[in-house]
Amino acid sequence: MSMAECKQAVLVEKETAHRDCLTGCYDKMTIQYLVDLCFLKSDVRQSHAMFVIDVDNFKDYNDKYGHANGDLCLKHFAAAMKKCFPKDSILGRYGGDEFVVYIKNAASDDAHRYMDEFQREISHLMMSGGEHVTVSASAGGVAFIGEGEDFVSLCRSADNMLYDVKRNGKGTFKIKGAKNM
């Protein structure tokens, strides 16, 4: 193995060490680190958004279709996130069936548009046996200008929006923050 190949292998290993092995999204600690790093680098005039996304009725889905199809569902969500959110977004699996998306340079209207597209993209899933099922997500988000607070505070605010969505029926999202920033 050449020195260049060795360096490339180390880079690949470092990158995969910070990712969830099932979905390829960043893991919880890495999400927090990267979002907090964005705050340090952020221009106070830029608008951003962060979402906490939860797979609706995942336990029921997992129990009915089996764990292999549950994994397929989580991979489906991760693929839809990669497709629907801007390339420079920070995408992570926060734990279980919960994901976090941090969208850089996005006003509230942009965040709404990305989430609408995501909701459409995830709605139909073909399982390993060829059966089509309908899946949905509930999400809570925070849109803000500037440095924001910190990752933990934003998560708390986004979680509050998520719980509000779940109390009022699932399958949609709600964003805290000015509509037109």
Protein backbone atom coordinates (compact mmCIF):
# COMPACT_ATOMS: atom_id res chain seq x y z
CA MET A 1 0.00 0.00 0.00
CA SER A 2 1.42 3.38 -1.01
CA MET A 3 1.63 6.34 1.37
CA ALA A 4 -1.21 8.07 -0.51
CA GLU A 5 -3.42 4.98 -0.19
CA CYS A 6 -2.56 4.77 3.50
CA LYS A 7 -3.55 8.40 4.08
CA GLN A 8 -6.79 7.89 2.15
CA ALA A 9 -7.61 4.81 4.25
CA VAL A 10 -7.05 6.79 7.47
CA LEU A 11 -9.32 9.59 6.23
CA VAL A 12 -12.06 7.10 5.34
CA GLU A 13 -11.73 5.42 8.74
CA LYS A 14 -11.95 8.77 10.57
CA GLU A 15 -15.03 9.75 8.58
CA THR A 16 -16.87 6.47 9.20
CA ALA A 17 -16.02 6.53 12.92
CA HIS A 18 -18.33 9.52 13.34
CA ARG A 19 -21.24 8.08 11.41
CA ASP A 20 -24.14 5.86 12.31
CA CYS A 21 -23.35 2.48 10.74
CA LEU A 22 -26.96 1.81 9.65
CA THR A 23 -27.90 5.12 8.03
CA GLY A 24 -24.57 6.73 7.20
CA CYS A 25 -25.72 9.91 8.97
CA TYR A 26 -23.58 11.54 11.62
CA ASP A 27 -23.87 10.14 15.14
CA LYS A 28 -25.24 12.14 18.08
CA MET A 29 -21.91 13.45 19.40
CA THR A 30 -20.71 14.48 15.96
CA ILE A 31 -23.95 16.34 15.19
CA GLN A 32 -23.59 18.36 18.38
CA TYR A 33 -19.94 19.15 17.66
CA LEU A 34 -20.61 20.20 14.05
CA VAL A 35 -23.63 22.36 14.89
CA ASP A 36 -21.81 24.10 17.72
CA LEU A 37 -18.90 24.66 15.33
CA CYS A 38 -21.31 26.28 12.87
CA PHE A 39 -22.35 28.74 15.58
CA LEU A 40 -18.73 29.79 16.02
CA LYS A 41 -18.34 30.38 12.28
CA SER A 42 -21.80 31.84 11.62
CA ASP A 43 -22.41 35.34 10.35
CA VAL A 44 -24.93 37.01 12.67
CA ARG A 45 -27.00 38.05 9.61
CA GLN A 46 -27.45 34.53 8.26
CA SER A 47 -30.61 32.54 8.94
CA HIS A 48 -30.56 28.86 9.79
CA ALA A 49 -32.98 26.11 10.79
CA MET A 50 -32.78 22.93 12.80
CA PHE A 51 -35.26 20.05 12.96
CA VAL A 52 -35.79 17.04 15.17
CA ILE A 53 -37.56 14.41 13.05
CA ASP A 54 -39.26 11.31 14.42
CA VAL A 55 -40.49 8.32 12.41
CA ASP A 56 -44.21 8.05 13.19
CA ASN A 57 -45.35 4.81 14.84
CA PHE A 58 -41.95 3.19 14.35
CA LYS A 59 -42.42 0.62 17.13
CA ASP A 60 -45.70 -0.57 15.57
CA TYR A 61 -44.08 -0.66 12.13
CA ASN A 62 -41.10 -2.62 13.50
CA ASP A 63 -43.37 -5.07 15.34
CA LYS A 64 -45.60 -5.63 12.30
CA TYR A 65 -42.96 -5.91 9.55
CA GLY A 66 -39.89 -7.07 11.49
CA HIS A 67 -36.57 -5.52 12.42
CA ALA A 68 -35.01 -5.94 8.97
CA ASN A 69 -37.78 -3.82 7.47
CA GLY A 70 -37.46 -1.42 10.41
CA ASP A 71 -33.82 -0.95 9.43
CA LEU A 72 -34.93 -0.48 5.82
CA CYS A 73 -37.30 2.27 6.99
CA LEU A 74 -34.50 4.09 8.84
CA LYS A 75 -32.26 3.83 5.76
CA HIS A 76 -35.14 5.16 3.65
CA PHE A 77 -35.45 8.20 5.93
CA ALA A 78 -31.71 8.85 5.78
CA ALA A 79 -31.69 8.60 1.97
CA ALA A 80 -34.65 11.01 1.77
CA MET A 81 -32.84 13.48 4.05
CA LYS A 82 -29.77 13.36 1.82
CA LYS A 83 -31.94 13.95 -1.24
CA CYS A 84 -34.23 16.70 0.11
CA PHE A 85 -32.02 18.91 2.24
CA PRO A 86 -29.17 21.08 0.91
CA LYS A 87 -25.82 19.36 0.47
CA ASP A 88 -24.17 21.43 3.22
CA SER A 89 -26.81 20.48 5.81
CA ILE A 90 -25.75 18.48 8.84
CA LEU A 91 -27.75 15.24 8.90
CA GLY A 92 -27.67 12.95 11.90
CA ARG A 93 -29.32 10.05 13.60
CA TYR A 94 -29.93 11.28 17.12
CA GLY A 95 -30.94 7.87 18.41
CA GLY A 96 -33.47 5.13 17.69
CA ASP A 97 -35.93 6.51 15.15
CA GLU A 98 -35.07 10.16 15.73
CA PHE A 99 -33.02 12.30 13.34
CA VAL A 100 -31.63 15.84 13.46
CA VAL A 101 -31.17 18.16 10.48
CA TYR A 102 -29.31 21.47 10.70
CA ILE A 103 -29.84 23.60 7.59
CA LYS A 104 -27.31 26.36 7.00
CA ASN A 105 -28.32 29.63 5.36
CA ALA A 106 -32.03 28.82 5.25
CA ALA A 107 -34.87 31.15 6.15
CA SER A 108 -38.10 29.80 7.59
CA ASP A 109 -39.72 29.65 4.12
CA ASP A 110 -36.81 27.58 2.80
CA ALA A 111 -37.04 25.24 5.78
CA HIS A 112 -40.78 24.77 5.11
CA ARG A 113 -40.08 23.92 1.48
CA TYR A 114 -37.37 21.38 2.36
CA MET A 115 -39.61 19.70 4.95
CA ASP A 116 -42.55 19.54 2.53
CA GLU A 117 -40.31 17.81 0.00
CA PHE A 118 -38.98 15.44 2.67
CA GLN A 119 -42.52 14.51 3.78
CA ARG A 120 -43.45 13.65 0.19
CA GLU A 121 -40.24 11.68 -0.37
CA ILE A 122 -40.63 9.44 2.69
CA SER A 123 -44.33 8.74 2.27
CA HIS A 124 -43.94 5.57 0.19
CA LEU A 125 -41.57 2.78 1.05
CA MET A 126 -41.09 -0.50 -0.75
CA MET A 127 -40.13 -3.20 1.70
CA SER A 128 -37.72 -6.03 1.05
CA GLY A 129 -40.61 -8.33 0.04
CA GLY A 130 -41.88 -5.83 -2.54
CA GLU A 131 -44.82 -4.61 -0.44
CA HIS A 132 -45.53 -0.88 -0.53
CA VAL A 133 -46.27 0.81 2.80
CA THR A 134 -47.03 4.38 3.77
CA VAL A 135 -44.72 5.96 6.31
CA SER A 136 -44.69 9.41 7.83
CA ALA A 137 -42.68 11.61 10.11
CA SER A 138 -43.39 14.24 12.70
CA ALA A 139 -40.91 17.06 13.06
CA GLY A 140 -40.31 20.10 15.17
CA GLY A 141 -38.03 22.86 14.02
CA VAL A 142 -36.48 26.15 14.98
CA ALA A 143 -35.62 28.89 12.50
CA PHE A 144 -33.28 31.61 13.67
CA ILE A 145 -30.94 34.37 12.54
CA GLY A 146 -27.33 34.60 13.61
CA GLU A 147 -25.53 32.51 16.15
CA GLY A 148 -28.62 30.97 17.70
CA GLU A 149 -28.18 29.54 21.14
CA ASP A 150 -26.34 26.25 21.34
CA PHE A 151 -27.13 22.76 20.12
CA VAL A 152 -28.77 21.62 23.36
CA SER A 153 -31.04 24.69 23.55
CA LEU A 154 -32.03 24.38 19.90
CA CYS A 155 -32.79 20.68 20.38
CA ARG A 156 -34.98 21.51 23.35
CA SER A 157 -36.91 24.10 21.33
CA ALA A 158 -37.24 21.78 18.32
CA ASP A 159 -38.34 18.94 20.62
CA ASN A 160 -41.06 21.16 22.08
CA MET A 161 -42.34 21.80 18.55
CA LEU A 162 -42.17 18.06 17.82
CA TYR A 163 -44.20 17.21 20.92
CA ASP A 164 -46.77 19.81 19.90
CA VAL A 165 -47.08 18.14 16.48
CA LYS A 166 -47.50 14.70 18.09
CA ARG A 167 -50.17 15.96 20.51
CA ASN A 168 -52.16 17.34 17.57
CA GLY A 169 -51.84 14.41 15.17
CA LYS A 170 -48.73 13.09 13.51
CA GLY A 171 -47.36 13.28 9.99
CA THR A 172 -46.55 16.98 9.80
CA PHE A 173 -44.11 19.54 11.13
CA LYS A 174 -44.04 22.83 12.96
CA ILE A 175 -41.34 25.50 12.99
CA LYS A 176 -40.71 28.00 15.76
CA GLY A 177 -39.43 31.31 14.44
CA ALA A 178 -40.43 34.14 12.18
CA LYS A 179 -42.18 33.05 8.98
CA ASN A 180 -40.28 35.54 6.81
CA MET A 181 -36.85 36.25 8.15
